[in-house]
Protein backbone atom coordinates (compact mmCIF):
# COMPACT_ATOMS: atom_id res chain seq x y z
CA UNK A 1 0.00 0.00 0.00
CA UNK A 2 2.76 2.46 0.91
CA UNK A 3 5.92 1.06 -0.66
CA UNK A 4 6.82 4.54 -1.94
CA UNK A 5 8.13 5.64 1.45
CA UNK A 6 11.80 6.64 1.04
CA UNK A 7 13.97 3.96 2.59
CA UNK A 8 16.28 6.53 4.21
CA UNK A 9 13.51 8.48 5.85
CA UNK A 10 13.56 8.51 9.62
CA UNK A 11 11.52 10.75 11.92
CA UNK A 12 13.49 13.04 14.22
CA UNK A 13 10.49 13.76 16.46
CA UNK A 14 10.35 17.41 15.57
CA UNK A 15 13.91 18.60 16.22
CA UNK A 16 13.79 20.91 13.18
CA UNK A 17 10.21 22.06 13.66
CA UNK A 18 9.41 25.71 14.35
CA UNK A 19 9.37 26.45 18.07
CA UNK A 20 5.84 27.86 17.85
CA UNK A 21 4.38 24.60 16.55
CA UNK A 22 3.59 21.26 18.16
CA UNK A 23 5.51 18.75 16.03
CA UNK A 24 4.27 15.19 15.96
CA UNK A 25 6.27 12.00 15.90
CA UNK A 26 5.97 12.14 12.11
CA UNK A 27 8.55 14.85 11.38
CA UNK A 28 10.97 13.61 8.73
CA UNK A 29 14.20 15.43 7.95
CA UNK A 30 13.77 14.79 4.24
CA UNK A 31 10.05 15.59 4.24
CA UNK A 32 8.79 17.74 1.36
CA UNK A 33 5.66 19.23 2.95
CA UNK A 34 4.53 20.39 6.37
CA UNK A 35 0.98 19.42 7.19
CA UNK A 36 -0.77 21.62 9.74
CA UNK A 37 -3.73 20.14 11.58
CA UNK A 38 -5.10 22.04 14.56
CA UNK A 39 -2.03 22.71 16.73
CA UNK A 40 0.04 19.82 15.41
CA UNK A 41 2.59 19.85 12.60
CA UNK A 42 3.78 16.91 10.49
CA UNK A 43 6.73 17.03 8.08
CA UNK A 44 5.93 14.39 5.51
CA UNK A 45 6.55 13.20 1.96
CA UNK A 46 4.10 14.94 -0.32
CA UNK A 47 4.42 12.36 -3.08
CA UNK A 48 3.25 9.63 -0.71
CA UNK A 49 0.15 11.53 0.35
CA UNK A 50 -0.73 12.79 -3.13
CA UNK A 51 -0.36 9.35 -4.65
CA UNK A 52 -3.13 7.99 -2.43
CA UNK A 53 -5.42 11.03 -2.19
CA UNK A 54 -6.64 13.29 -4.99
CA UNK A 55 -8.02 15.63 -2.35
CA UNK A 56 -4.59 16.14 -0.81
CA UNK A 57 -3.25 17.19 -4.21
CA UNK A 58 -5.87 19.95 -4.35
CA UNK A 59 -5.36 21.45 -0.88
CA UNK A 60 -3.78 24.93 -1.08
CA UNK A 61 -0.29 25.42 0.31
CA UNK A 62 1.82 28.29 1.59
CA UNK A 63 5.60 28.51 1.80
CA UNK A 64 7.15 27.99 5.20
CA UNK A 65 10.91 28.12 4.96
CA UNK A 66 12.17 25.73 2.33
CA UNK A 67 9.05 23.53 2.15
CA UNK A 68 5.36 24.33 1.61
CA UNK A 69 2.76 24.05 4.36
CA UNK A 70 -0.63 22.50 3.74
CA UNK A 71 -3.36 23.09 6.31
CA UNK A 72 -6.02 20.42 6.70
CA UNK A 73 -9.39 21.93 7.72
CA UNK A 74 -10.62 20.68 11.08
CA UNK A 75 -13.92 19.55 9.58
CA UNK A 76 -12.06 17.01 7.42
CA UNK A 77 -9.91 15.30 10.06
CA UNK A 78 -8.53 15.47 13.57
CA UNK A 79 -4.96 14.85 14.67
CA UNK A 80 -5.69 11.46 16.21
CA UNK A 81 -7.27 10.06 13.05
CA UNK A 82 -4.60 11.59 10.81
CA UNK A 83 -1.87 10.06 12.97
CA UNK A 84 -3.52 6.65 12.57
CA UNK A 85 -3.41 7.17 8.81
CA UNK A 86 0.29 8.01 8.93
CA UNK A 87 1.04 4.94 11.03
CA UNK A 88 -0.51 2.90 8.25
CA UNK A 89 1.22 4.77 5.41
CA UNK A 90 4.62 4.57 7.09
CA UNK A 91 4.17 0.90 8.01
CA UNK A 92 4.11 1.40 11.78
CA UNK A 93 0.77 -0.40 12.19
CA UNK A 94 -0.31 -2.75 9.37
CA UNK A 95 -4.04 -2.56 8.81
CA UNK A 96 -4.53 -6.31 9.18
CA UNK A 97 -3.31 -6.11 12.78
CA UNK A 98 -4.72 -2.71 13.71
CA UNK A 99 -6.96 -2.66 16.81
CA UNK A 100 -10.49 -1.29 16.60
CA UNK A 101 -9.70 2.31 17.71
CA UNK A 102 -7.02 2.67 15.01
CA UNK A 103 -9.25 1.02 12.43
CA UNK A 104 -12.11 3.37 13.32
CA UNK A 105 -9.78 6.32 12.87
CA UNK A 106 -8.71 5.01 9.46
CA UNK A 107 -12.32 4.49 8.44
CA UNK A 108 -13.16 8.10 9.27
CA UNK A 109 -10.10 9.87 7.93
CA UNK A 110 -9.91 8.05 4.59
CA UNK A 111 -13.59 8.38 3.63
CA UNK A 112 -15.07 10.59 0.93
CA UNK A 113 -16.30 12.88 3.72
CA UNK A 114 -12.73 13.36 4.93
CA UNK A 115 -9.37 13.09 3.13
CA UNK A 116 -10.42 10.67 0.37
CA UNK A 117 -7.91 7.84 0.44
CA UNK A 118 -10.13 5.34 -1.43
CA UNK A 119 -7.80 2.33 -1.52
CA UNK A 120 -7.00 2.56 2.19
CA UNK A 121 -10.65 3.20 2.99
CA UNK A 122 -11.65 -0.04 1.28
CA UNK A 123 -9.15 -2.00 3.36
CA UNK A 124 -10.25 -0.20 6.54
CA UNK A 125 -13.86 -1.19 5.85
CA UNK A 126 -12.87 -4.84 5.58
CA UNK A 127 -10.86 -4.69 8.80
CA UNK A 128 -13.66 -2.86 10.65
CA UNK A 129 -16.23 -5.45 9.56
CA UNK A 130 -13.94 -8.26 10.68
CA UNK A 131 -13.49 -6.67 14.12
CA UNK A 132 -17.10 -5.76 14.93
CA UNK A 133 -19.09 -8.34 12.98
CA UNK A 134 -20.55 -11.36 14.77
CA UNK A 135 -18.69 -14.65 14.72
CA UNK A 136 -20.11 -17.54 12.67
CA UNK A 137 -23.32 -18.99 14.02
CA UNK A 138 -26.48 -17.42 15.38
CA UNK A 139 -25.99 -14.11 17.18
CA UNK A 140 -22.43 -14.78 18.33
CA UNK A 141 -21.63 -11.21 19.27
CA UNK A 142 -18.24 -9.64 19.73
CA UNK A 143 -17.90 -7.74 23.02
CA UNK A 144 -17.05 -4.12 22.22
CA UNK A 145 -15.85 -1.39 24.55
CA UNK A 146 -17.91 1.25 22.74
CA UNK A 147 -20.68 -0.33 20.64
CA UNK A 148 -22.34 3.06 20.11
CA UNK A 149 -19.30 4.44 18.29
CA UNK A 150 -19.08 1.27 16.20
CA UNK A 151 -22.77 1.48 15.27
CA UNK A 152 -22.46 5.16 14.39
CA UNK A 153 -19.57 4.38 12.05
CA UNK A 154 -21.34 1.40 10.49
CA UNK A 155 -24.37 3.56 9.71
CA UNK A 156 -22.37 6.57 8.52
CA UNK A 157 -20.28 4.45 6.17
CA UNK A 158 -23.18 2.27 4.99
CA UNK A 159 -22.04 -1.12 6.25
CA UNK A 160 -25.29 -3.10 6.58
CA UNK A 161 -23.57 -6.45 7.14
CA UNK A 162 -22.58 -5.48 10.70
CA UNK A 163 -25.42 -3.13 11.61
CA UNK A 164 -27.88 -5.73 12.91
CA UNK A 165 -25.51 -7.06 15.58
CA UNK A 166 -24.45 -3.54 16.53
CA UNK A 167 -28.03 -2.29 16.85
CA UNK A 168 -28.77 -5.25 19.13
CA UNK A 169 -25.61 -4.62 21.18
CA UNK A 170 -26.46 -0.96 21.73
CA UNK A 171 -30.16 -1.54 22.44
CA UNK A 172 -29.40 -4.21 25.04
CA UNK A 173 -26.59 -2.54 26.99
CA UNK A 174 -27.51 -1.87 30.60
CA UNK A 175 -26.70 1.85 30.37
CA UNK A 176 -28.64 2.62 27.17
CA UNK A 177 -31.28 5.26 27.90
CA UNK A 178 -33.21 6.49 24.85
CA UNK A 179 -33.76 9.96 26.31
CA UNK A 180 -30.12 10.57 27.23
CA UNK A 181 -27.45 12.06 24.97
CA UNK A 182 -25.65 9.67 22.63
CA UNK A 183 -22.92 11.72 20.90
CA UNK A 184 -21.81 8.90 18.60
CA UNK A 185 -25.32 8.24 17.26
CA UNK A 186 -27.61 10.29 15.00
CA UNK A 187 -31.05 10.90 16.49
CA UNK A 188 -32.69 8.51 14.02
CA UNK A 189 -30.32 5.71 15.03
CA UNK A 190 -30.94 6.34 18.73
CA UNK A 191 -34.69 6.17 18.07
CA UNK A 192 -34.29 2.90 16.19
CA UNK A 193 -32.30 1.43 19.11
CA UNK A 194 -35.03 2.53 21.52
CA UNK A 195 -37.73 0.95 19.37
CA UNK A 196 -35.74 -2.28 19.16
CA UNK A 197 -35.33 -2.34 22.93
CA UNK A 198 -39.11 -2.01 23.37
CA UNK A 199 -39.77 -4.80 20.88
CA UNK A 200 -37.31 -7.13 22.57
CA UNK A 201 -38.85 -6.56 25.99
CA UNK A 202 -42.40 -6.97 24.69
CA UNK A 203 -41.49 -10.19 22.90
CA UNK A 204 -39.44 -11.78 25.66
CA UNK A 205 -41.41 -10.84 28.78
CA UNK A 206 -44.08 -13.55 28.40
CA UNK A 207 -41.45 -16.11 27.46
CA UNK A 208 -39.32 -15.39 30.52
CA UNK A 209 -42.25 -15.39 32.95
CA UNK A 210 -43.81 -18.58 31.60
CA UNK A 211 -42.48 -21.59 33.49
CA UNK A 212 -41.04 -24.23 31.18
CA UNK A 213 -42.92 -27.47 30.79
CA UNK A 214 -41.36 -30.84 30.02
CA UNK A 215 -42.39 -34.15 28.55
CA UNK A 216 -42.54 -35.75 31.99
CA UNK A 217 -44.70 -34.41 34.80
CA UNK A 218 -41.95 -34.90 37.37
CA UNK A 219 -39.59 -32.76 35.30
CA UNK A 220 -42.28 -30.09 34.85
CA UNK A 221 -42.64 -29.98 38.64
CA UNK A 222 -38.90 -29.34 38.99
CA UNK A 223 -39.09 -26.46 36.51
CA UNK A 224 -41.99 -25.00 38.49
CA UNK A 225 -39.93 -25.08 41.70
CA UNK A 226 -36.71 -23.69 40.22
CA UNK A 227 -37.87 -21.25 37.53
CA UNK A 228 -38.04 -18.21 39.79
CA UNK A 229 -34.66 -18.57 41.57
CA UNK A 230 -32.72 -20.01 38.63
CA UNK A 231 -34.23 -18.14 35.68
CA UNK A 232 -36.37 -15.11 36.47
CA UNK A 233 -34.37 -13.66 39.38
CA UNK A 234 -30.98 -13.76 37.59
CA UNK A 235 -32.53 -12.27 34.45
CA UNK A 236 -34.08 -9.35 36.33
CA UNK A 237 -30.81 -8.73 38.16
CA UNK A 238 -28.79 -8.64 34.95
CA UNK A 239 -30.94 -6.61 32.53
CA UNK A 240 -31.89 -9.93 30.98
CA UNK A 241 -35.42 -8.92 30.06
CA UNK A 242 -34.20 -6.90 27.08
CA UNK A 243 -31.38 -9.35 26.26
CA UNK A 244 -33.24 -12.46 25.13
CA UNK A 245 -30.35 -14.10 23.30
CA UNK A 246 -27.99 -13.91 26.25
CA UNK A 247 -30.72 -14.84 28.75
CA UNK A 248 -31.80 -17.89 26.76
CA UNK A 249 -28.21 -19.07 26.55
CA UNK A 250 -27.84 -18.65 30.29
CA UNK A 251 -31.01 -20.71 30.80
CA UNK A 252 -29.53 -23.41 28.57
CA UNK A 253 -26.40 -23.46 30.72
CA UNK A 254 -28.23 -24.02 34.00
CA UNK A 255 -27.24 -27.54 35.21
CA UNK A 256 -30.80 -28.81 34.96
CA UNK A 257 -29.67 -32.43 35.26
CA UNK A 258 -28.33 -31.68 38.74
CA UNK A 259 -31.71 -30.26 39.73
CA UNK A 260 -33.57 -33.44 38.82
CA UNK A 261 -34.55 -32.94 35.18
CA UNK A 262 -34.04 -36.14 33.18
CA UNK A 263 -31.57 -36.21 30.29
CA UNK A 264 -34.33 -36.59 27.69
CA UNK A 265 -36.21 -33.51 28.89
CA UNK A 266 -32.98 -31.49 29.23
CA UNK A 267 -32.06 -32.21 25.62
CA UNK A 268 -35.55 -31.36 24.38
CA UNK A 269 -35.72 -28.07 26.29
CA UNK A 270 -32.25 -26.96 25.19
CA UNK A 271 -33.27 -27.60 21.60
CA UNK A 272 -36.41 -25.50 22.16
CA UNK A 273 -34.35 -22.66 23.61
CA UNK A 274 -32.00 -22.87 20.62
CA UNK A 275 -35.00 -22.48 18.33
CA UNK A 276 -36.23 -19.50 20.35
CA UNK A 277 -32.82 -17.84 19.98
CA UNK A 278 -33.00 -18.29 16.21
CA UNK A 279 -36.57 -17.01 16.20
CA UNK A 280 -35.88 -13.81 18.10
CA UNK A 281 -32.76 -13.15 16.05
CA UNK A 282 -34.77 -13.46 12.84
CA UNK A 283 -37.41 -11.09 14.24
CA UNK A 284 -34.78 -8.40 14.81
CA UNK A 285 -34.61 -7.86 11.03
CA UNK A 286 -38.26 -6.87 10.91
CA UNK A 287 -38.13 -4.80 14.08
CA UNK A 288 -35.21 -2.80 12.72
CA UNK A 289 -36.68 -2.50 9.26
CA UNK A 290 -33.31 -3.09 7.64
CA UNK A 291 -32.11 -5.73 5.22
CA UNK A 292 -28.78 -7.31 6.16
């Protein structure tokens, strides 16, 4: 992707930068352009940037000493995202091993709404989808530190393949409050998450509060005795009412055999709960009104 980086180029961490600036780690002695972004300055190789971005070629420049200075408008990028781009261009962090925060920065800064690095943007999209998309199987979610930011990016950059899982993750987090501020999400996305949360609760409430029945009366009696302490109480304590997939899997994992349920009934009920997981996951498509 960036094999045109001069082999002899090494950053000197801003030793030659003007004293009034805030030089970044990307300040190369043989750089041919100074990029100004907010309070930070980067001395870089213009040919490398221009080769990947038509927009960069068109940005106006002013002379600053022996090299021109190009100022990137703040509405196009921030220093953190631009630094992530440079780490990719200068081979510090290969995209296929970049963590989610760096990948998110790359996704933003390389898009058509930002600095327009189309080839890198395409690779960043693939990496982002690999990091936030569910694992193979039914609703095998990836735990994310900030699912709201991930959902906002997936919507902004039109990535429907990962949106369903992200909508579910946001709508079912314990701290999601529809009426509170969600800076990473457009209002329409927040409203869709709130509607999904309501649908999940409405669908799952009667399922959770209906005691399971089994093929044998003795096993049904055990379910009746244990359903409140082993199913309902843990679900209510853990926001499980709006998290049907996770709650159903927890119900499956209860050691029912140890409580007196026969092996035949245990197998049958776990199969039923598997089917309910698939059913609710399929219903999410209609509740969201999106095609994935």
